[in-house]
Amino acid sequence: MSSNPAPTGFTEMRPFGPFHELVGTMFIGEREGQRVIGMRVEERHRNAGAMMHGGMMLTFADTAMTLAALKGREPGMVTVTMSMSSDFLAPARVGDWIEANVEILRSGRTTKFLNCIVRRDGPDGPALLRCSGVFQMVPARPVAD
């Protein structure tokens, strides 16, 4: 892994919970007034083919879309993924910096439709993943002990 995990302007994101603690650190930044999620691909993120595991790339995109869907939510509400569709376009490898840029296509009171593009090396880098998702706002439930 690089000694510099994130480019200038990105700060470490607080994990969403135990699962995100397992998958590793993600970062948040802003570019042109839009939130951008980034991460450095680590050895633990790769598959047997020495590239980033597709499930990890989908986790990354789902995280970015979830954060975007949370924007403007009512107090006491959280967002859940209803559906995701994806196209893998190119691989990411250990050491690569990847970023997810999300566009909200339609935002209703309880349902949001989003697109996400994951790129390597910033906004002008090659596209690695294209996906879309539908997210629903639901009341938060307390975590059971």
N, C-alpha and C. Protein backbone atom coordinates (compact mmCIF):
# COMPACT_ATOMS: atom_id res chain seq x y z
N MET A 1 0.84 -1.18 0.00
CA MET A 1 0.00 0.00 0.00
C MET A 1 0.88 1.24 0.00
N SER A 2 0.41 2.29 -0.60
CA SER A 2 1.12 3.56 -0.66
C SER A 2 1.29 4.15 0.74
N SER A 3 2.40 4.86 0.96
CA SER A 3 2.58 5.53 2.24
C SER A 3 1.65 6.74 2.34
N ASN A 4 1.13 7.21 1.23
CA ASN A 4 0.16 8.29 1.21
C ASN A 4 -1.19 7.69 0.80
N PRO A 5 -2.05 7.33 1.78
CA PRO A 5 -3.26 6.61 1.43
C PRO A 5 -4.28 7.40 0.63
N ALA A 6 -4.29 8.73 0.76
CA ALA A 6 -5.30 9.52 0.05
C ALA A 6 -4.69 10.80 -0.49
N PRO A 7 -5.17 11.26 -1.63
CA PRO A 7 -4.71 12.54 -2.17
C PRO A 7 -5.11 13.71 -1.26
N THR A 8 -4.47 14.83 -1.45
CA THR A 8 -4.79 16.05 -0.72
C THR A 8 -6.26 16.38 -0.89
N GLY A 9 -6.89 16.80 0.19
CA GLY A 9 -8.30 17.17 0.15
C GLY A 9 -9.24 16.08 0.60
N PHE A 10 -8.73 14.88 0.82
CA PHE A 10 -9.57 13.77 1.30
C PHE A 10 -9.26 13.50 2.76
N THR A 11 -10.31 13.24 3.54
CA THR A 11 -10.15 12.89 4.95
C THR A 11 -10.79 11.53 5.21
N GLU A 12 -10.29 10.87 6.23
CA GLU A 12 -10.79 9.55 6.57
C GLU A 12 -12.27 9.62 6.94
N MET A 13 -13.02 8.70 6.40
CA MET A 13 -14.45 8.62 6.65
C MET A 13 -14.71 7.72 7.85
N ARG A 14 -15.66 8.09 8.68
CA ARG A 14 -16.06 7.25 9.81
C ARG A 14 -16.74 6.00 9.27
N PRO A 15 -16.36 4.80 9.74
CA PRO A 15 -17.01 3.57 9.26
C PRO A 15 -18.50 3.57 9.59
N PHE A 16 -19.32 2.96 8.72
CA PHE A 16 -20.76 2.85 8.94
C PHE A 16 -21.08 1.83 10.03
N GLY A 17 -20.15 0.96 10.34
CA GLY A 17 -20.40 -0.09 11.32
C GLY A 17 -19.35 -1.18 11.21
N PRO A 18 -19.58 -2.31 11.86
CA PRO A 18 -18.59 -3.38 11.88
C PRO A 18 -18.16 -3.88 10.49
N PHE A 19 -19.09 -3.96 9.56
CA PHE A 19 -18.72 -4.44 8.22
C PHE A 19 -17.70 -3.50 7.58
N HIS A 20 -17.94 -2.20 7.67
CA HIS A 20 -17.01 -1.24 7.06
C HIS A 20 -15.65 -1.23 7.76
N GLU A 21 -15.64 -1.58 9.05
CA GLU A 21 -14.36 -1.72 9.74
C GLU A 21 -13.56 -2.88 9.14
N LEU A 22 -14.24 -3.93 8.71
CA LEU A 22 -13.58 -5.08 8.08
C LEU A 22 -12.98 -4.74 6.71
N VAL A 23 -13.72 -3.96 5.91
CA VAL A 23 -13.27 -3.73 4.54
C VAL A 23 -12.19 -2.66 4.43
N GLY A 24 -12.02 -1.86 5.47
CA GLY A 24 -10.93 -0.90 5.45
C GLY A 24 -11.37 0.54 5.29
N THR A 25 -10.39 1.40 5.32
CA THR A 25 -10.62 2.84 5.34
C THR A 25 -11.07 3.38 3.99
N MET A 26 -12.11 4.19 4.04
CA MET A 26 -12.56 4.95 2.89
C MET A 26 -12.39 6.42 3.25
N PHE A 27 -12.32 7.25 2.23
CA PHE A 27 -12.05 8.67 2.43
C PHE A 27 -13.14 9.48 1.75
N ILE A 28 -13.33 10.72 2.23
CA ILE A 28 -14.33 11.60 1.66
C ILE A 28 -13.67 12.93 1.31
N GLY A 29 -14.04 13.47 0.18
CA GLY A 29 -13.54 14.76 -0.26
C GLY A 29 -14.63 15.48 -1.02
N GLU A 30 -14.28 16.64 -1.55
CA GLU A 30 -15.24 17.42 -2.31
C GLU A 30 -14.55 17.96 -3.55
N ARG A 31 -15.27 17.90 -4.66
CA ARG A 31 -14.75 18.43 -5.91
C ARG A 31 -15.91 19.09 -6.64
N GLU A 32 -15.73 20.37 -6.98
CA GLU A 32 -16.76 21.13 -7.69
C GLU A 32 -18.10 21.07 -6.97
N GLY A 33 -18.06 21.19 -5.64
CA GLY A 33 -19.27 21.22 -4.84
C GLY A 33 -19.95 19.88 -4.66
N GLN A 34 -19.32 18.80 -5.11
CA GLN A 34 -19.92 17.48 -5.00
C GLN A 34 -19.04 16.58 -4.13
N ARG A 35 -19.68 15.81 -3.28
CA ARG A 35 -18.98 14.86 -2.42
C ARG A 35 -18.40 13.72 -3.26
N VAL A 36 -17.15 13.35 -2.96
CA VAL A 36 -16.47 12.26 -3.66
C VAL A 36 -15.94 11.29 -2.61
N ILE A 37 -16.17 10.01 -2.82
CA ILE A 37 -15.66 8.97 -1.93
C ILE A 37 -14.46 8.31 -2.61
N GLY A 38 -13.41 8.06 -1.85
CA GLY A 38 -12.21 7.45 -2.41
C GLY A 38 -11.65 6.37 -1.50
N MET A 39 -10.80 5.54 -2.07
CA MET A 39 -10.09 4.54 -1.27
C MET A 39 -8.84 4.08 -2.02
N ARG A 40 -7.88 3.62 -1.25
CA ARG A 40 -6.67 3.02 -1.81
C ARG A 40 -6.87 1.50 -1.77
N VAL A 41 -6.73 0.84 -2.90
CA VAL A 41 -6.91 -0.62 -2.98
C VAL A 41 -5.75 -1.29 -2.24
N GLU A 42 -6.10 -2.15 -1.30
CA GLU A 42 -5.11 -2.86 -0.50
C GLU A 42 -5.07 -4.33 -0.88
N GLU A 43 -4.05 -5.01 -0.41
CA GLU A 43 -3.88 -6.45 -0.67
C GLU A 43 -5.14 -7.23 -0.27
N ARG A 44 -5.74 -6.87 0.85
CA ARG A 44 -6.93 -7.59 1.33
C ARG A 44 -8.14 -7.42 0.42
N HIS A 45 -8.10 -6.47 -0.52
CA HIS A 45 -9.23 -6.21 -1.42
C HIS A 45 -9.15 -7.01 -2.72
N ARG A 46 -8.06 -7.75 -2.93
CA ARG A 46 -7.88 -8.41 -4.23
C ARG A 46 -8.45 -9.82 -4.26
N ASN A 47 -8.68 -10.29 -5.47
CA ASN A 47 -9.11 -11.67 -5.67
C ASN A 47 -7.90 -12.51 -6.07
N ALA A 48 -8.11 -13.75 -6.45
CA ALA A 48 -7.01 -14.63 -6.85
C ALA A 48 -6.35 -14.16 -8.15
N GLY A 49 -7.05 -13.35 -8.92
CA GLY A 49 -6.50 -12.83 -10.17
C GLY A 49 -5.67 -11.57 -9.99
N ALA A 50 -5.38 -11.22 -8.74
CA ALA A 50 -4.53 -10.07 -8.40
C ALA A 50 -5.16 -8.72 -8.77
N MET A 51 -6.49 -8.68 -8.86
CA MET A 51 -7.18 -7.41 -9.07
C MET A 51 -8.24 -7.27 -7.99
N MET A 52 -8.76 -6.05 -7.84
CA MET A 52 -9.76 -5.80 -6.82
C MET A 52 -10.97 -6.71 -7.02
N HIS A 53 -11.40 -7.35 -5.95
CA HIS A 53 -12.55 -8.24 -6.00
C HIS A 53 -13.80 -7.44 -6.39
N GLY A 54 -14.61 -7.98 -7.27
CA GLY A 54 -15.81 -7.29 -7.72
C GLY A 54 -16.76 -6.98 -6.59
N GLY A 55 -16.87 -7.86 -5.60
CA GLY A 55 -17.73 -7.60 -4.46
C GLY A 55 -17.26 -6.41 -3.65
N MET A 56 -15.94 -6.23 -3.58
CA MET A 56 -15.40 -5.07 -2.86
C MET A 56 -15.68 -3.79 -3.63
N MET A 57 -15.56 -3.86 -4.95
CA MET A 57 -15.84 -2.67 -5.75
C MET A 57 -17.32 -2.29 -5.63
N LEU A 58 -18.20 -3.29 -5.58
CA LEU A 58 -19.63 -3.01 -5.41
C LEU A 58 -19.91 -2.46 -4.01
N THR A 59 -19.21 -2.95 -3.00
CA THR A 59 -19.34 -2.41 -1.65
C THR A 59 -18.96 -0.93 -1.63
N PHE A 60 -17.88 -0.62 -2.31
CA PHE A 60 -17.41 0.77 -2.40
C PHE A 60 -18.46 1.65 -3.08
N ALA A 61 -19.00 1.20 -4.21
CA ALA A 61 -20.02 1.97 -4.93
C ALA A 61 -21.29 2.10 -4.10
N ASP A 62 -21.71 1.03 -3.44
CA ASP A 62 -22.91 1.06 -2.60
C ASP A 62 -22.73 2.07 -1.46
N THR A 63 -21.55 2.11 -0.87
CA THR A 63 -21.26 3.07 0.20
C THR A 63 -21.39 4.50 -0.32
N ALA A 64 -20.82 4.77 -1.48
CA ALA A 64 -20.89 6.11 -2.06
C ALA A 64 -22.33 6.51 -2.38
N MET A 65 -23.10 5.59 -2.94
CA MET A 65 -24.49 5.91 -3.27
C MET A 65 -25.33 6.07 -2.00
N THR A 66 -25.05 5.28 -0.97
CA THR A 66 -25.77 5.41 0.29
C THR A 66 -25.54 6.79 0.89
N LEU A 67 -24.28 7.24 0.89
CA LEU A 67 -23.99 8.58 1.41
C LEU A 67 -24.72 9.66 0.63
N ALA A 68 -24.75 9.53 -0.68
CA ALA A 68 -25.44 10.52 -1.50
C ALA A 68 -26.94 10.49 -1.23
N ALA A 69 -27.50 9.30 -1.04
CA ALA A 69 -28.94 9.17 -0.80
C ALA A 69 -29.34 9.75 0.55
N LEU A 70 -28.40 9.78 1.50
CA LEU A 70 -28.69 10.32 2.83
C LEU A 70 -28.86 11.84 2.82
N LYS A 71 -28.35 12.49 1.80
CA LYS A 71 -28.42 13.95 1.74
C LYS A 71 -29.88 14.40 1.77
N GLY A 72 -30.18 15.31 2.69
CA GLY A 72 -31.52 15.87 2.80
C GLY A 72 -32.53 14.97 3.47
N ARG A 73 -32.07 13.93 4.16
CA ARG A 73 -33.03 13.01 4.79
C ARG A 73 -33.68 13.66 6.00
N GLU A 74 -34.84 13.16 6.34
CA GLU A 74 -35.55 13.62 7.54
C GLU A 74 -34.87 13.02 8.76
N PRO A 75 -34.92 13.70 9.91
CA PRO A 75 -34.33 13.16 11.13
C PRO A 75 -34.93 11.79 11.47
N GLY A 76 -34.10 10.88 11.94
CA GLY A 76 -34.54 9.55 12.33
C GLY A 76 -34.68 8.57 11.18
N MET A 77 -34.30 8.99 9.98
CA MET A 77 -34.40 8.11 8.82
C MET A 77 -33.01 7.66 8.38
N VAL A 78 -32.94 6.45 7.85
CA VAL A 78 -31.72 5.91 7.25
C VAL A 78 -32.07 5.43 5.85
N THR A 79 -31.06 5.08 5.08
CA THR A 79 -31.33 4.62 3.73
C THR A 79 -30.88 3.17 3.58
N VAL A 80 -31.66 2.40 2.83
CA VAL A 80 -31.30 1.01 2.53
C VAL A 80 -31.29 0.83 1.02
N THR A 81 -30.44 -0.05 0.57
CA THR A 81 -30.33 -0.36 -0.85
C THR A 81 -31.48 -1.28 -1.24
N MET A 82 -32.26 -0.86 -2.22
CA MET A 82 -33.35 -1.70 -2.73
C MET A 82 -32.88 -2.53 -3.91
N SER A 83 -32.08 -1.91 -4.79
CA SER A 83 -31.54 -2.65 -5.93
C SER A 83 -30.29 -1.94 -6.45
N MET A 84 -29.43 -2.74 -7.07
CA MET A 84 -28.23 -2.21 -7.73
C MET A 84 -28.02 -2.98 -9.02
N SER A 85 -27.59 -2.27 -10.04
CA SER A 85 -27.23 -2.87 -11.32
C SER A 85 -25.84 -2.38 -11.66
N SER A 86 -24.99 -3.26 -12.19
CA SER A 86 -23.59 -2.84 -12.40
C SER A 86 -23.01 -3.41 -13.68
N ASP A 87 -22.00 -2.69 -14.19
CA ASP A 87 -21.19 -3.12 -15.33
C ASP A 87 -19.74 -2.89 -14.96
N PHE A 88 -18.95 -3.96 -14.94
CA PHE A 88 -17.52 -3.84 -14.68
C PHE A 88 -16.83 -3.51 -15.99
N LEU A 89 -16.05 -2.43 -15.99
CA LEU A 89 -15.45 -1.94 -17.23
C LEU A 89 -13.95 -2.19 -17.31
N ALA A 90 -13.26 -2.16 -16.17
CA ALA A 90 -11.81 -2.36 -16.13
C ALA A 90 -11.41 -2.71 -14.70
N PRO A 91 -10.27 -3.37 -14.51
CA PRO A 91 -9.87 -3.75 -13.15
C PRO A 91 -9.15 -2.64 -12.39
N ALA A 92 -9.19 -2.76 -11.07
CA ALA A 92 -8.33 -1.96 -10.19
C ALA A 92 -7.35 -2.93 -9.56
N ARG A 93 -6.15 -2.45 -9.27
CA ARG A 93 -5.11 -3.30 -8.70
C ARG A 93 -4.63 -2.72 -7.38
N VAL A 94 -3.94 -3.55 -6.60
CA VAL A 94 -3.40 -3.12 -5.32
C VAL A 94 -2.55 -1.87 -5.52
N GLY A 95 -2.79 -0.87 -4.68
CA GLY A 95 -2.07 0.40 -4.76
C GLY A 95 -2.83 1.47 -5.51
N ASP A 96 -3.81 1.09 -6.32
CA ASP A 96 -4.59 2.08 -7.08
C ASP A 96 -5.43 2.94 -6.15
N TRP A 97 -5.56 4.22 -6.49
CA TRP A 97 -6.51 5.12 -5.85
C TRP A 97 -7.76 5.12 -6.70
N ILE A 98 -8.93 4.82 -6.11
CA ILE A 98 -10.18 4.84 -6.85
C ILE A 98 -11.14 5.83 -6.21
N GLU A 99 -12.01 6.39 -7.04
CA GLU A 99 -13.00 7.37 -6.57
C GLU A 99 -14.37 7.02 -7.13
N ALA A 100 -15.39 7.29 -6.33
CA ALA A 100 -16.77 7.09 -6.76
C ALA A 100 -17.47 8.44 -6.84
N ASN A 101 -18.01 8.74 -7.99
CA ASN A 101 -18.79 9.96 -8.20
C ASN A 101 -20.24 9.55 -8.42
N VAL A 102 -21.14 10.16 -7.67
CA VAL A 102 -22.55 9.77 -7.68
C VAL A 102 -23.40 10.92 -8.20
N GLU A 103 -24.38 10.56 -9.00
CA GLU A 103 -25.36 11.52 -9.50
C GLU A 103 -26.75 11.06 -9.05
N ILE A 104 -27.48 11.95 -8.41
CA ILE A 104 -28.86 11.64 -8.02
C ILE A 104 -29.75 11.96 -9.21
N LEU A 105 -30.39 10.94 -9.75
CA LEU A 105 -31.23 11.11 -10.93
C LEU A 105 -32.63 11.58 -10.57
N ARG A 106 -33.16 11.01 -9.49
CA ARG A 106 -34.51 11.37 -9.05
C ARG A 106 -34.59 11.16 -7.56
N SER A 107 -35.17 12.12 -6.89
CA SER A 107 -35.25 12.05 -5.44
C SER A 107 -36.67 12.35 -4.98
N GLY A 108 -37.36 11.30 -4.52
CA GLY A 108 -38.68 11.47 -3.95
C GLY A 108 -38.58 11.54 -2.43
N ARG A 109 -39.71 11.54 -1.78
CA ARG A 109 -39.72 11.63 -0.32
C ARG A 109 -39.11 10.40 0.33
N THR A 110 -39.34 9.22 -0.24
CA THR A 110 -38.81 7.99 0.38
C THR A 110 -37.92 7.17 -0.54
N THR A 111 -37.87 7.47 -1.82
CA THR A 111 -37.10 6.67 -2.76
C THR A 111 -36.20 7.56 -3.60
N LYS A 112 -34.96 7.10 -3.80
CA LYS A 112 -34.00 7.86 -4.61
C LYS A 112 -33.38 6.93 -5.65
N PHE A 113 -33.16 7.48 -6.84
CA PHE A 113 -32.53 6.76 -7.94
C PHE A 113 -31.19 7.42 -8.23
N LEU A 114 -30.12 6.62 -8.27
CA LEU A 114 -28.77 7.17 -8.41
C LEU A 114 -27.95 6.42 -9.44
N ASN A 115 -26.98 7.13 -10.01
CA ASN A 115 -25.95 6.53 -10.86
C ASN A 115 -24.60 6.75 -10.19
N CYS A 116 -23.68 5.84 -10.42
CA CYS A 116 -22.34 5.95 -9.84
C CYS A 116 -21.31 5.48 -10.87
N ILE A 117 -20.22 6.23 -10.99
CA ILE A 117 -19.07 5.82 -11.80
C ILE A 117 -17.87 5.76 -10.88
N VAL A 118 -17.18 4.62 -10.88
CA VAL A 118 -15.94 4.46 -10.13
C VAL A 118 -14.78 4.59 -11.12
N ARG A 119 -13.83 5.48 -10.81
CA ARG A 119 -12.68 5.73 -11.68
C ARG A 119 -11.38 5.53 -10.92
N ARG A 120 -10.35 5.23 -11.66
CA ARG A 120 -9.00 5.14 -11.11
C ARG A 120 -8.30 6.49 -11.33
N ASP A 121 -7.55 6.95 -10.33
CA ASP A 121 -6.69 8.14 -10.45
C ASP A 121 -7.45 9.43 -10.69
N GLY A 122 -8.59 9.61 -10.04
CA GLY A 122 -9.28 10.89 -10.10
C GLY A 122 -10.32 11.01 -11.19
N PRO A 123 -10.88 12.20 -11.35
CA PRO A 123 -12.03 12.39 -12.23
C PRO A 123 -11.76 12.19 -13.71
N ASP A 124 -10.50 12.27 -14.11
CA ASP A 124 -10.16 12.08 -15.52
C ASP A 124 -9.60 10.70 -15.81
N GLY A 125 -9.52 9.86 -14.78
CA GLY A 125 -8.98 8.52 -14.95
C GLY A 125 -9.97 7.59 -15.63
N PRO A 126 -9.52 6.40 -15.96
CA PRO A 126 -10.39 5.45 -16.65
C PRO A 126 -11.53 4.97 -15.76
N ALA A 127 -12.70 4.79 -16.34
CA ALA A 127 -13.86 4.25 -15.62
C ALA A 127 -13.67 2.76 -15.38
N LEU A 128 -13.92 2.32 -14.15
CA LEU A 128 -13.77 0.92 -13.77
C LEU A 128 -15.11 0.22 -13.59
N LEU A 129 -16.09 0.97 -13.10
CA LEU A 129 -17.40 0.41 -12.79
C LEU A 129 -18.46 1.46 -13.04
N ARG A 130 -19.54 1.02 -13.64
CA ARG A 130 -20.72 1.88 -13.82
C ARG A 130 -21.86 1.15 -13.15
N CYS A 131 -22.58 1.84 -12.26
CA CYS A 131 -23.71 1.17 -11.63
C CYS A 131 -24.82 2.17 -11.34
N SER A 132 -26.00 1.63 -11.11
CA SER A 132 -27.14 2.43 -10.73
C SER A 132 -27.79 1.73 -9.55
N GLY A 133 -28.51 2.51 -8.76
CA GLY A 133 -29.16 1.94 -7.60
C GLY A 133 -30.43 2.67 -7.24
N VAL A 134 -31.28 1.96 -6.54
CA VAL A 134 -32.51 2.52 -5.98
C VAL A 134 -32.39 2.36 -4.47
N PHE A 135 -32.59 3.46 -3.76
CA PHE A 135 -32.44 3.49 -2.31
C PHE A 135 -33.71 4.00 -1.68
N GLN A 136 -34.08 3.40 -0.54
CA GLN A 136 -35.30 3.80 0.15
C GLN A 136 -34.96 4.33 1.53
N MET A 137 -35.67 5.38 1.93
CA MET A 137 -35.55 5.93 3.26
C MET A 137 -36.49 5.18 4.19
N VAL A 138 -35.96 4.72 5.31
CA VAL A 138 -36.77 3.98 6.30
C VAL A 138 -36.44 4.50 7.69
N PRO A 139 -37.34 4.32 8.67
CA PRO A 139 -37.02 4.75 10.04
C PRO A 139 -35.85 3.93 10.59
N ALA A 140 -34.96 4.61 11.29
CA ALA A 140 -33.81 3.95 11.92
C ALA A 140 -34.32 3.03 13.01
N ARG A 141 -33.67 1.87 13.14
CA ARG A 141 -34.00 0.93 14.22
C ARG A 141 -32.82 0.84 15.16
N PRO A 142 -33.07 0.77 16.45
CA PRO A 142 -31.94 0.64 17.39
C PRO A 142 -31.23 -0.69 17.19
N VAL A 143 -29.92 -0.69 17.44
CA VAL A 143 -29.13 -1.90 17.33
C VAL A 143 -29.39 -2.76 18.55
N ALA A 144 -29.68 -4.05 18.33
CA ALA A 144 -29.90 -4.97 19.44
C ALA A 144 -28.59 -5.30 20.12
N ASP A 145 -28.63 -5.48 21.44
CA ASP A 145 -27.42 -5.82 22.19
C ASP A 145 -27.06 -7.27 22.04
